[in-house]
Protein backbone atom coordinates (compact mmCIF):
# COMPACT_ATOMS: atom_id res chain seq x y z
CA UNK A 1 243.34 -72.75 68.69
CA UNK A 2 245.81 -70.66 66.76
CA UNK A 3 248.59 -68.64 68.31
CA UNK A 4 246.74 -65.44 67.38
CA UNK A 5 243.58 -66.62 69.16
CA UNK A 6 245.57 -67.45 72.27
CA UNK A 7 247.31 -64.08 72.23
CA UNK A 8 243.93 -62.36 71.98
CA UNK A 9 242.85 -64.25 75.11
CA UNK A 10 246.10 -63.65 77.02
CA UNK A 11 246.84 -60.01 76.15
CA UNK A 12 244.28 -58.32 78.49
CA UNK A 13 246.04 -59.99 81.44
CA UNK A 14 249.66 -59.56 80.36
CA UNK A 15 250.22 -63.30 79.96
CA UNK A 16 251.40 -63.38 76.33
CA UNK A 17 254.68 -65.01 77.38
CA UNK A 18 252.84 -68.34 77.70
CA UNK A 19 253.07 -68.82 73.92
CA UNK A 20 256.69 -67.55 73.58
CA UNK A 21 257.83 -71.05 72.45
CA UNK A 22 254.77 -71.79 70.28
CA UNK A 23 256.66 -71.89 67.00
CA UNK A 24 259.08 -74.49 68.41
CA UNK A 25 256.38 -76.89 69.59
CA UNK A 26 255.08 -79.93 67.72
CA UNK A 27 251.34 -80.43 67.22
CA UNK A 28 250.90 -82.36 70.45
CA UNK A 29 252.74 -79.71 72.46
CA UNK A 30 250.62 -76.97 70.96
CA UNK A 31 247.41 -78.84 71.74
CA UNK A 32 248.50 -79.43 75.32
CA UNK A 33 249.43 -75.79 75.91
CA UNK A 34 246.31 -74.44 74.18
CA UNK A 35 244.05 -76.67 76.23
CA UNK A 36 245.67 -75.58 79.49
CA UNK A 37 245.46 -71.88 78.60
CA UNK A 38 241.81 -72.23 77.63
CA UNK A 39 240.94 -73.91 80.93
CA UNK A 40 242.49 -71.17 83.12
CA UNK A 41 240.20 -68.48 84.50
CA UNK A 42 242.63 -65.67 83.70
CA UNK A 43 240.45 -63.04 85.31
CA UNK A 44 240.36 -64.98 88.59
CA UNK A 45 244.14 -65.47 88.58
CA UNK A 46 244.60 -61.77 87.95
CA UNK A 47 242.28 -60.83 90.82
CA UNK A 48 243.98 -63.26 93.19
CA UNK A 49 247.43 -61.88 92.38
CA UNK A 50 246.31 -58.29 92.76
CA UNK A 51 244.80 -59.14 96.10
CA UNK A 52 248.15 -60.67 97.03
CA UNK A 53 248.78 -62.91 100.00
CA UNK A 54 247.03 -60.61 102.42
CA UNK A 55 245.87 -62.71 105.33
CA UNK A 56 243.25 -62.42 107.98
CA UNK A 57 244.35 -61.13 111.34
CA UNK A 58 244.31 -64.56 112.88
CA UNK A 59 245.74 -63.21 116.12
CA UNK A 60 242.73 -60.96 116.56
CA UNK A 61 240.42 -63.78 115.58
CA UNK A 62 241.99 -66.12 118.11
CA UNK A 63 241.84 -63.51 120.87
CA UNK A 64 238.04 -63.29 120.64
CA UNK A 65 237.47 -66.97 119.92
CA UNK A 66 235.57 -69.36 122.17
CA UNK A 67 235.71 -73.16 122.38
CA UNK A 68 233.46 -74.73 119.74
CA UNK A 69 230.18 -76.51 120.57
CA UNK A 70 231.42 -80.04 121.10
CA UNK A 71 230.57 -83.60 121.96
CA UNK A 72 233.45 -84.38 124.32
CA UNK A 73 234.83 -87.71 125.42
CA UNK A 74 233.68 -88.85 128.93
CA UNK A 75 233.28 -87.68 131.57
CA UNK A 76 232.04 -84.52 129.85
CA UNK A 77 228.34 -83.69 130.14
CA UNK A 78 227.14 -84.23 126.58
CA UNK A 79 223.62 -83.43 125.33
CA UNK A 80 223.27 -86.90 123.80
CA UNK A 81 224.30 -90.25 125.15
CA UNK A 82 226.65 -92.56 123.27
CA UNK A 83 224.09 -95.32 122.87
CA UNK A 84 221.50 -92.85 121.59
CA UNK A 85 223.97 -91.57 119.01
CA UNK A 86 224.93 -95.09 117.88
CA UNK A 87 221.29 -95.99 117.45
CA UNK A 88 220.60 -92.93 115.32
CA UNK A 89 223.71 -93.52 113.18
CA UNK A 90 222.73 -97.16 112.62
CA UNK A 91 219.30 -96.01 111.46
CA UNK A 92 220.91 -93.76 108.82
CA UNK A 93 223.21 -96.53 107.65
CA UNK A 94 220.41 -99.08 107.53
CA UNK A 95 218.27 -96.73 105.42
CA UNK A 96 220.90 -96.46 102.67
CA UNK A 97 221.20 -92.69 103.05
CA UNK A 98 224.96 -92.58 103.67
CA UNK A 99 227.82 -92.11 101.22
CA UNK A 100 231.57 -91.56 101.67
CA UNK A 101 233.93 -89.03 100.14
CA UNK A 102 237.59 -90.04 100.06
CA UNK A 103 240.10 -87.30 99.20
CA UNK A 104 243.12 -88.93 97.55
CA UNK A 105 244.86 -86.39 95.35
CA UNK A 106 248.27 -86.57 96.98
CA UNK A 107 251.40 -88.20 95.64
CA UNK A 108 253.62 -90.35 97.86
CA UNK A 109 256.63 -88.11 97.27
CA UNK A 110 257.41 -87.52 100.93
CA UNK A 111 257.14 -91.27 101.50
CA UNK A 112 259.78 -91.98 98.88
CA UNK A 113 256.95 -93.62 96.92
CA UNK A 114 256.56 -92.51 93.26
CA UNK A 115 252.86 -93.28 93.06
CA UNK A 116 249.57 -91.99 94.46
CA UNK A 117 249.68 -92.06 98.25
CA UNK A 118 246.58 -94.28 98.33
CA UNK A 119 248.60 -97.08 96.72
CA UNK A 120 251.15 -97.11 99.54
CA UNK A 121 251.40 -100.61 101.17
CA UNK A 122 250.75 -99.70 104.81
CA UNK A 123 249.39 -103.02 106.12
CA UNK A 124 251.85 -104.13 108.83
CA UNK A 125 251.69 -107.79 107.79
CA UNK A 126 249.42 -107.88 104.73
CA UNK A 127 251.08 -104.97 102.90
CA UNK A 128 247.57 -103.90 101.90
CA UNK A 129 247.41 -100.44 100.41
CA UNK A 130 245.65 -97.49 102.00
CA UNK A 131 243.07 -97.75 99.22
CA UNK A 132 242.37 -101.40 100.00
CA UNK A 133 242.07 -100.83 103.74
CA UNK A 134 239.56 -98.00 103.24
CA UNK A 135 237.47 -99.96 100.75
CA UNK A 136 237.42 -103.04 103.01
CA UNK A 137 236.18 -100.91 105.89
CA UNK A 138 233.47 -99.47 103.67
CA UNK A 139 232.42 -102.89 102.36
CA UNK A 140 232.33 -104.39 105.86
CA UNK A 141 230.21 -101.48 107.14
CA UNK A 142 227.82 -101.80 104.20
CA UNK A 143 227.48 -105.56 104.80
CA UNK A 144 226.80 -105.00 108.50
CA UNK A 145 223.88 -102.67 107.81
CA UNK A 146 222.62 -104.35 104.69
CA UNK A 147 222.83 -101.24 102.49
CA UNK A 148 225.38 -100.02 100.01
CA UNK A 149 227.59 -97.04 100.82
CA UNK A 150 228.77 -95.45 97.55
CA UNK A 151 232.33 -94.17 97.55
CA UNK A 152 233.14 -90.83 95.89
CA UNK A 153 236.90 -90.86 95.33
CA UNK A 154 238.62 -87.57 94.49
CA UNK A 155 241.93 -87.77 92.68
CA UNK A 156 244.15 -85.04 91.21
CA UNK A 157 245.58 -84.69 87.70
CA UNK A 158 248.82 -86.16 89.05
CA UNK A 159 247.19 -89.25 90.53
CA UNK A 160 244.02 -89.78 88.50
CA UNK A 161 245.08 -92.17 85.75
CA UNK A 162 247.22 -94.33 88.00
CA UNK A 163 244.55 -94.49 90.69
CA UNK A 164 241.89 -95.49 88.16
CA UNK A 165 244.18 -98.20 86.74
CA UNK A 166 245.03 -99.46 90.26
CA UNK A 167 241.34 -99.88 91.17
CA UNK A 168 240.68 -101.59 87.84
CA UNK A 169 243.63 -103.93 88.29
CA UNK A 170 242.31 -105.02 91.69
CA UNK A 171 238.67 -105.23 90.63
CA UNK A 172 237.87 -102.24 92.87
CA UNK A 173 238.81 -104.43 95.88
CA UNK A 174 235.37 -106.01 95.72
CA UNK A 175 233.40 -102.77 95.54
CA UNK A 176 230.56 -103.01 92.97
CA UNK A 177 231.15 -100.87 89.89
CA UNK A 178 228.13 -98.66 90.52
CA UNK A 179 229.31 -97.90 94.06
CA UNK A 180 232.60 -96.27 93.04
CA UNK A 181 232.49 -92.78 91.56
CA UNK A 182 235.96 -91.43 90.73
CA UNK A 183 236.34 -87.73 89.95
CA UNK A 184 239.31 -85.42 89.51
CA UNK A 185 239.88 -82.14 91.31
CA UNK A 186 240.78 -78.98 89.43
CA UNK A 187 244.08 -77.14 89.17
CA UNK A 188 245.34 -73.61 89.52
CA UNK A 189 248.45 -72.11 87.89
CA UNK A 190 251.40 -70.87 89.95
CA UNK A 191 252.34 -67.24 89.29
CA UNK A 192 255.55 -65.30 89.77
CA UNK A 193 255.32 -63.64 93.18
CA UNK A 194 256.61 -60.30 91.86
CA UNK A 195 255.10 -59.90 88.40
CA UNK A 196 252.01 -62.12 88.55
CA UNK A 197 253.07 -63.85 85.32
CA UNK A 198 251.88 -67.44 85.09
CA UNK A 199 254.86 -69.80 85.21
CA UNK A 200 255.70 -72.40 82.62
CA UNK A 201 256.89 -75.77 83.91
CA UNK A 202 258.09 -76.61 80.41
CA UNK A 203 257.83 -74.91 77.03
CA UNK A 204 254.49 -76.59 76.40
CA UNK A 205 253.35 -77.02 80.00
CA UNK A 206 251.95 -74.51 82.51
CA UNK A 207 253.03 -74.90 86.14
CA UNK A 208 249.77 -76.26 87.55
CA UNK A 209 248.99 -77.69 90.99
CA UNK A 210 245.84 -79.13 92.58
CA UNK A 211 243.42 -76.52 93.90
CA UNK A 212 243.38 -77.94 97.47
CA UNK A 213 241.03 -80.33 99.23
CA UNK A 214 238.46 -77.57 99.13
CA UNK A 215 238.38 -78.11 95.37
CA UNK A 216 236.26 -81.15 96.16
CA UNK A 217 233.05 -79.14 96.07
CA UNK A 218 233.50 -77.68 92.58
CA UNK A 219 234.89 -80.99 91.26
CA UNK A 220 232.07 -83.14 92.52
CA UNK A 221 229.52 -80.79 91.01
CA UNK A 222 231.40 -80.59 87.68
CA UNK A 223 231.74 -84.38 87.51
CA UNK A 224 228.08 -85.12 88.19
CA UNK A 225 228.81 -86.54 91.62
CA UNK A 226 226.15 -84.53 93.42
CA UNK A 227 223.57 -85.66 90.88
CA UNK A 228 224.72 -89.23 91.40
CA UNK A 229 224.10 -88.76 95.15
CA UNK A 230 220.58 -87.47 94.53
CA UNK A 231 219.77 -90.44 92.31
CA UNK A 232 221.11 -92.86 94.93
CA UNK A 233 219.16 -91.21 97.75
CA UNK A 234 222.34 -90.24 99.60
CA UNK A 235 221.57 -87.55 102.17
CA UNK A 236 224.60 -87.75 104.42
CA UNK A 237 228.28 -87.80 103.46
CA UNK A 238 231.24 -89.02 105.50
CA UNK A 239 234.38 -87.17 104.34
CA UNK A 240 237.93 -88.36 105.06
CA UNK A 241 241.48 -88.24 103.68
CA UNK A 242 243.46 -91.13 102.29
CA UNK A 243 246.47 -90.92 104.63
CA UNK A 244 244.67 -92.06 107.80
CA UNK A 245 244.23 -95.87 107.90
CA UNK A 246 242.89 -95.72 111.48
CA UNK A 247 239.80 -93.71 110.57
CA UNK A 248 236.49 -95.35 111.51
CA UNK A 249 234.69 -94.89 108.24
CA UNK A 250 230.99 -94.01 108.63
CA UNK A 251 231.17 -94.41 112.39
CA UNK A 252 227.52 -94.73 113.53
CA UNK A 253 228.33 -92.85 116.75
CA UNK A 254 229.83 -89.91 114.85
CA UNK A 255 227.02 -89.85 112.29
CA UNK A 256 224.51 -90.12 115.11
CA UNK A 257 225.78 -87.06 116.95
CA UNK A 258 225.73 -85.16 113.65
CA UNK A 259 222.09 -86.07 113.01
CA UNK A 260 220.80 -85.70 116.58
CA UNK A 261 222.29 -82.21 116.87
CA UNK A 262 220.80 -81.03 113.58
CA UNK A 263 224.27 -80.13 112.28
CA UNK A 264 224.95 -79.40 108.63
CA UNK A 265 228.71 -79.93 109.00
CA UNK A 266 230.31 -81.88 111.81
CA UNK A 267 234.06 -82.22 112.32
CA UNK A 268 236.08 -84.82 114.20
CA UNK A 269 238.72 -83.39 116.49
CA UNK A 270 241.30 -84.57 118.98
CA UNK A 271 242.15 -82.77 122.20
CA UNK A 272 245.49 -81.04 121.74
CA UNK A 273 248.17 -82.37 124.08
CA UNK A 274 250.42 -79.38 123.51
CA UNK A 275 249.44 -75.77 122.78
CA UNK A 276 251.64 -75.81 119.69
CA UNK A 277 250.46 -79.12 118.22
CA UNK A 278 250.59 -78.94 114.43
CA UNK A 279 246.88 -79.31 113.67
CA UNK A 280 244.20 -76.94 112.50
CA UNK A 281 242.46 -75.30 115.46
CA UNK A 282 238.67 -75.34 115.45
CA UNK A 283 237.26 -72.31 117.30
CA UNK A 284 233.97 -70.46 117.54
CA UNK A 285 233.86 -66.77 116.63
CA UNK A 286 230.62 -64.79 116.76
CA UNK A 287 228.62 -68.01 116.88
CA UNK A 288 230.31 -69.56 113.81
CA UNK A 289 233.00 -72.23 113.55
CA UNK A 290 236.34 -71.46 111.96
CA UNK A 291 239.71 -73.17 111.61
CA UNK A 292 242.91 -71.33 112.44
CA UNK A 293 245.95 -73.16 111.12
CA UNK A 294 248.70 -73.85 113.63
CA UNK A 295 251.09 -71.74 111.58
CA UNK A 296 248.74 -68.73 111.90
CA UNK A 297 248.04 -69.09 115.63
CA UNK A 298 250.11 -66.70 117.81
CA UNK A 299 251.90 -68.43 120.67
CA UNK A 300 250.18 -66.29 123.30
CA UNK A 301 246.77 -67.39 122.04
CA UNK A 302 247.84 -71.00 121.67
CA UNK A 303 248.81 -71.02 125.37
CA UNK A 304 245.60 -69.30 126.56
CA UNK A 305 243.84 -71.22 129.33
CA UNK A 306 240.29 -71.29 130.67
CA UNK A 307 239.37 -70.83 134.32
CA UNK A 308 239.80 -74.56 135.00
CA UNK A 309 243.30 -74.55 133.53
CA UNK A 310 242.53 -76.38 130.27
CA UNK A 311 243.51 -75.03 126.86
CA UNK A 312 241.03 -72.52 125.52
CA UNK A 313 241.93 -73.48 121.93
CA UNK A 314 241.88 -77.23 122.42
CA UNK A 315 240.18 -78.78 119.39
CA UNK A 316 242.57 -80.09 116.74
CA UNK A 317 240.99 -80.91 113.41
CA UNK A 318 241.85 -84.27 111.82
CA UNK A 319 240.17 -83.62 108.44
CA UNK A 320 237.20 -85.94 109.03
CA UNK A 321 233.76 -84.42 108.47
CA UNK A 322 230.11 -85.23 108.04
CA UNK A 323 228.02 -83.15 105.59
CA UNK A 324 224.40 -82.99 104.67
CA UNK A 325 224.14 -83.29 100.92
CA UNK A 326 221.69 -80.37 100.96
CA UNK A 327 224.40 -78.22 102.56
CA UNK A 328 226.90 -79.08 99.82
CA UNK A 329 224.29 -78.27 97.19
CA UNK A 330 223.62 -74.91 98.76
CA UNK A 331 227.34 -74.11 99.02
CA UNK A 332 227.92 -75.14 95.41
CA UNK A 333 225.74 -72.21 94.38
CA UNK A 334 227.88 -69.74 96.31
CA UNK A 335 230.97 -69.07 94.23
CA UNK A 336 232.86 -67.39 97.08
CA UNK A 337 231.90 -69.85 99.83
CA UNK A 338 235.36 -71.38 99.54
CA UNK A 339 237.90 -68.56 99.11
CA UNK A 340 241.34 -69.18 97.69
CA UNK A 341 244.27 -69.09 100.12
CA UNK A 342 247.60 -67.83 98.84
CA UNK A 343 250.90 -69.50 99.73
CA UNK A 344 254.48 -68.62 98.75
CA UNK A 345 256.28 -71.67 97.40
CA UNK A 346 259.38 -72.72 95.47
CA UNK A 347 258.16 -73.59 92.00
CA UNK A 348 260.56 -74.69 89.23
CA UNK A 349 259.95 -72.88 85.93
CA UNK A 350 261.21 -72.22 82.42
CA UNK A 351 262.72 -68.75 81.92
CA UNK A 352 262.49 -66.49 78.87
CA UNK A 353 265.40 -68.32 77.25
CA UNK A 354 263.73 -71.69 77.71
CA UNK A 355 266.06 -72.81 80.52
CA UNK A 356 264.70 -74.66 83.54
CA UNK A 357 265.25 -72.81 86.81
CA UNK A 358 265.22 -74.47 90.24
CA UNK A 359 264.66 -71.59 92.69
CA UNK A 360 266.49 -71.64 96.02
CA UNK A 361 263.90 -69.44 97.69
CA UNK A 362 260.09 -69.18 97.40
CA UNK A 363 259.47 -67.46 94.08
CA UNK A 364 255.81 -68.11 93.34
CA UNK A 365 252.27 -67.84 94.63
CA UNK A 366 250.05 -70.89 94.70
CA UNK A 367 246.28 -70.77 95.19
CA UNK A 368 244.23 -73.42 96.93
CA UNK A 369 240.95 -73.92 98.75
CA UNK A 370 240.31 -75.66 102.07
CA UNK A 371 237.17 -77.64 102.85
CA UNK A 372 236.99 -76.33 106.42
CA UNK A 373 236.13 -72.86 105.09
CA UNK A 374 232.59 -74.20 104.69
CA UNK A 375 232.14 -74.20 108.48
CA UNK A 376 231.01 -70.60 108.94
CA UNK A 377 228.23 -71.08 106.37
CA UNK A 378 226.60 -74.00 108.14
CA UNK A 379 223.31 -73.18 109.85
CA UNK A 380 224.65 -75.34 112.66
CA UNK A 381 228.04 -76.97 113.06
CA UNK A 382 229.63 -78.95 115.89
CA UNK A 383 232.78 -80.87 116.65
CA UNK A 384 233.03 -84.41 118.02
CA UNK A 385 236.08 -85.41 119.98
CA UNK A 386 237.61 -88.82 119.38
CA UNK A 387 240.43 -90.81 120.95
CA UNK A 388 243.32 -90.58 118.46
CA UNK A 389 244.38 -94.13 119.36
CA UNK A 390 241.10 -95.29 117.81
CA UNK A 391 240.84 -93.01 114.81
CA UNK A 392 243.84 -90.90 113.88
CA UNK A 393 247.23 -92.06 112.61
CA UNK A 394 248.16 -89.89 109.62
CA UNK A 395 250.85 -91.12 107.24
CA UNK A 396 253.14 -88.23 106.38
CA UNK A 397 256.71 -89.52 106.02
CA UNK A 398 258.30 -92.72 104.79
CA UNK A 399 261.50 -93.06 106.82
CA UNK A 400 262.25 -93.14 110.53
CA UNK A 401 259.96 -94.24 113.34
CA UNK A 402 258.61 -90.96 114.69
CA UNK A 403 255.16 -89.40 114.44
CA UNK A 404 253.67 -89.63 110.95
CA UNK A 405 256.13 -92.19 109.60
CA UNK A 406 255.07 -95.47 108.04
CA UNK A 407 256.59 -97.42 110.94
CA UNK A 408 254.72 -95.32 113.50
CA UNK A 409 251.40 -95.69 111.66
CA UNK A 410 251.85 -99.46 111.50
CA UNK A 411 252.55 -99.54 115.25
CA UNK A 412 249.33 -97.58 115.84
CA UNK A 413 247.38 -100.05 113.72
CA UNK A 414 248.82 -103.06 115.51
CA UNK A 415 248.26 -101.49 118.93
CA UNK A 416 244.58 -101.02 118.13
CA UNK A 417 244.25 -104.59 116.92
CA UNK A 418 245.95 -105.95 120.05
CA UNK A 419 243.45 -104.02 122.15
CA UNK A 420 240.59 -105.57 120.20
CA UNK A 421 242.05 -109.04 120.67
CA UNK A 422 242.39 -108.57 124.42
CA UNK A 423 238.87 -107.18 124.64
CA UNK A 424 237.73 -110.31 122.80
CA UNK A 425 239.43 -112.47 125.44
CA UNK A 426 242.58 -113.37 123.57
CA UNK A 427 246.11 -113.26 125.00
CA UNK A 428 248.68 -111.36 122.96
CA UNK A 429 251.99 -109.84 124.00
CA UNK A 430 252.74 -106.22 123.15
CA UNK A 431 255.60 -107.17 120.84
CA UNK A 432 253.68 -109.67 118.72
CA UNK A 433 252.71 -108.22 115.32
CA UNK A 434 249.02 -108.59 114.50
CA UNK A 435 246.74 -107.19 111.84
CA UNK A 436 242.99 -107.60 111.36
CA UNK A 437 241.24 -107.11 108.04
CA UNK A 438 237.97 -105.16 108.34
CA UNK A 439 236.37 -107.98 106.36
CA UNK A 440 237.25 -110.28 109.26
CA UNK A 441 236.17 -107.94 112.05
CA UNK A 442 235.31 -104.23 112.18
CA UNK A 443 235.68 -104.01 115.97
CA UNK A 444 236.32 -105.97 119.15
CA UNK A 445 232.71 -107.14 119.46
CA UNK A 446 232.72 -108.74 116.03
CA UNK A 447 236.14 -110.19 116.70
CA UNK A 448 234.89 -111.85 119.91
CA UNK A 449 232.32 -113.78 117.88
CA UNK A 450 235.06 -115.22 115.66
CA UNK A 451 237.82 -116.26 118.06
CA UNK A 452 237.66 -118.36 121.20
CA UNK A 453 238.22 -116.69 124.55
CA UNK A 454 241.65 -117.58 125.90
CA UNK A 455 243.23 -117.87 122.45
CA UNK A 456 246.96 -117.28 122.76
CA UNK A 457 248.71 -115.44 119.93
CA UNK A 458 252.46 -115.88 120.05
CA UNK A 459 253.56 -115.27 116.45
CA UNK A 460 252.79 -112.68 113.75
CA UNK A 461 249.18 -113.19 112.70
CA UNK A 462 247.03 -111.60 110.00
CA UNK A 463 243.33 -112.19 110.53
CA UNK A 464 241.52 -112.20 107.21
CA UNK A 465 238.59 -113.86 105.49
């Protein structure tokens, strides 16, 4: 496109500054900038800025919220038994109707790791990457039930090429080529918080950022992923994020509760231990499920108790969901089903003189979507409580040994594997490092069939094929 054509497109929205350095750019720079401008929905950006960062009255929402319909951990009185749920989940897995969606658009910046987070070597002894651990769990589950489980892997523009190359280098960690579908989420430009002008990250580069994990829906439609699911006969999707190596991928119990209840969207939660735990809060309002982020939940509502003294807002989301494919298809036809959220952020930019500015304070608005905003649209939605020790250890930070650090996550992984070994009849001290590949054993029962009761483990041991 020519500069004049771009100005014609930009002028109605007051964004002509985006081509201020056009005459200084080489051919490649012009092509890059023109492509980015053409791909932006300028009308949408204009509407989002004019709407501003007005937010829902989450305090009022929380005040009239109720606990969500839930499958609680024992001794709660659940409508379905555990064995019944496992049986139903196994049926779905054995019929080949299950697929998995892995959201992996994040960089390892906060880990001090200059690569996609999925490439981070989290294995306590093996140094296996998050990607490898997830794929091995998926392969082991598929082998157990004799049916393939295709993996739909969402990257971001910042992680896509390197993630694709990483999977190719490692031969997809044994996953057949037709069972890995990689697609890239979209982006949204950052705008100046005062003027609404789209920011330039460089003279030929717009300041773009991923459009949030909620961008999965539009991206999987745009990439042909939903059509791929139809062709494969996938009816049920297990959705999870890359930073949690403890997740039980395609858990038959979890999938079974989803199917038995007739839910269109089911969410795994953990019981909050503290009213101010930093997790999304799943609540029910007017018969529909919603998530109130911890940062939006007033303290007085966070501390609200029921008659029996338990937290009224107790269900902490861990970003693990089950979806019916038909539900995703229906939502894909509703453009506003996933609204954009607005956040004030510090975004480096190039000023009118072409100088790079590193702001000391939040200067820009970013726009992103969240997958949990689908909840209110589900004809039926429930939550399923899990024990975090068996399914939730998010990797957030690289250094230190506190919650969310690599060292803490590795301790959680080894603690789970020690429990499995003891349940299988082995003897292992609490300070002995152990790690179990999913291809060796997916759980304690499978492990018991592979090691002799009374086995003593006294040194670091990695159990693998």
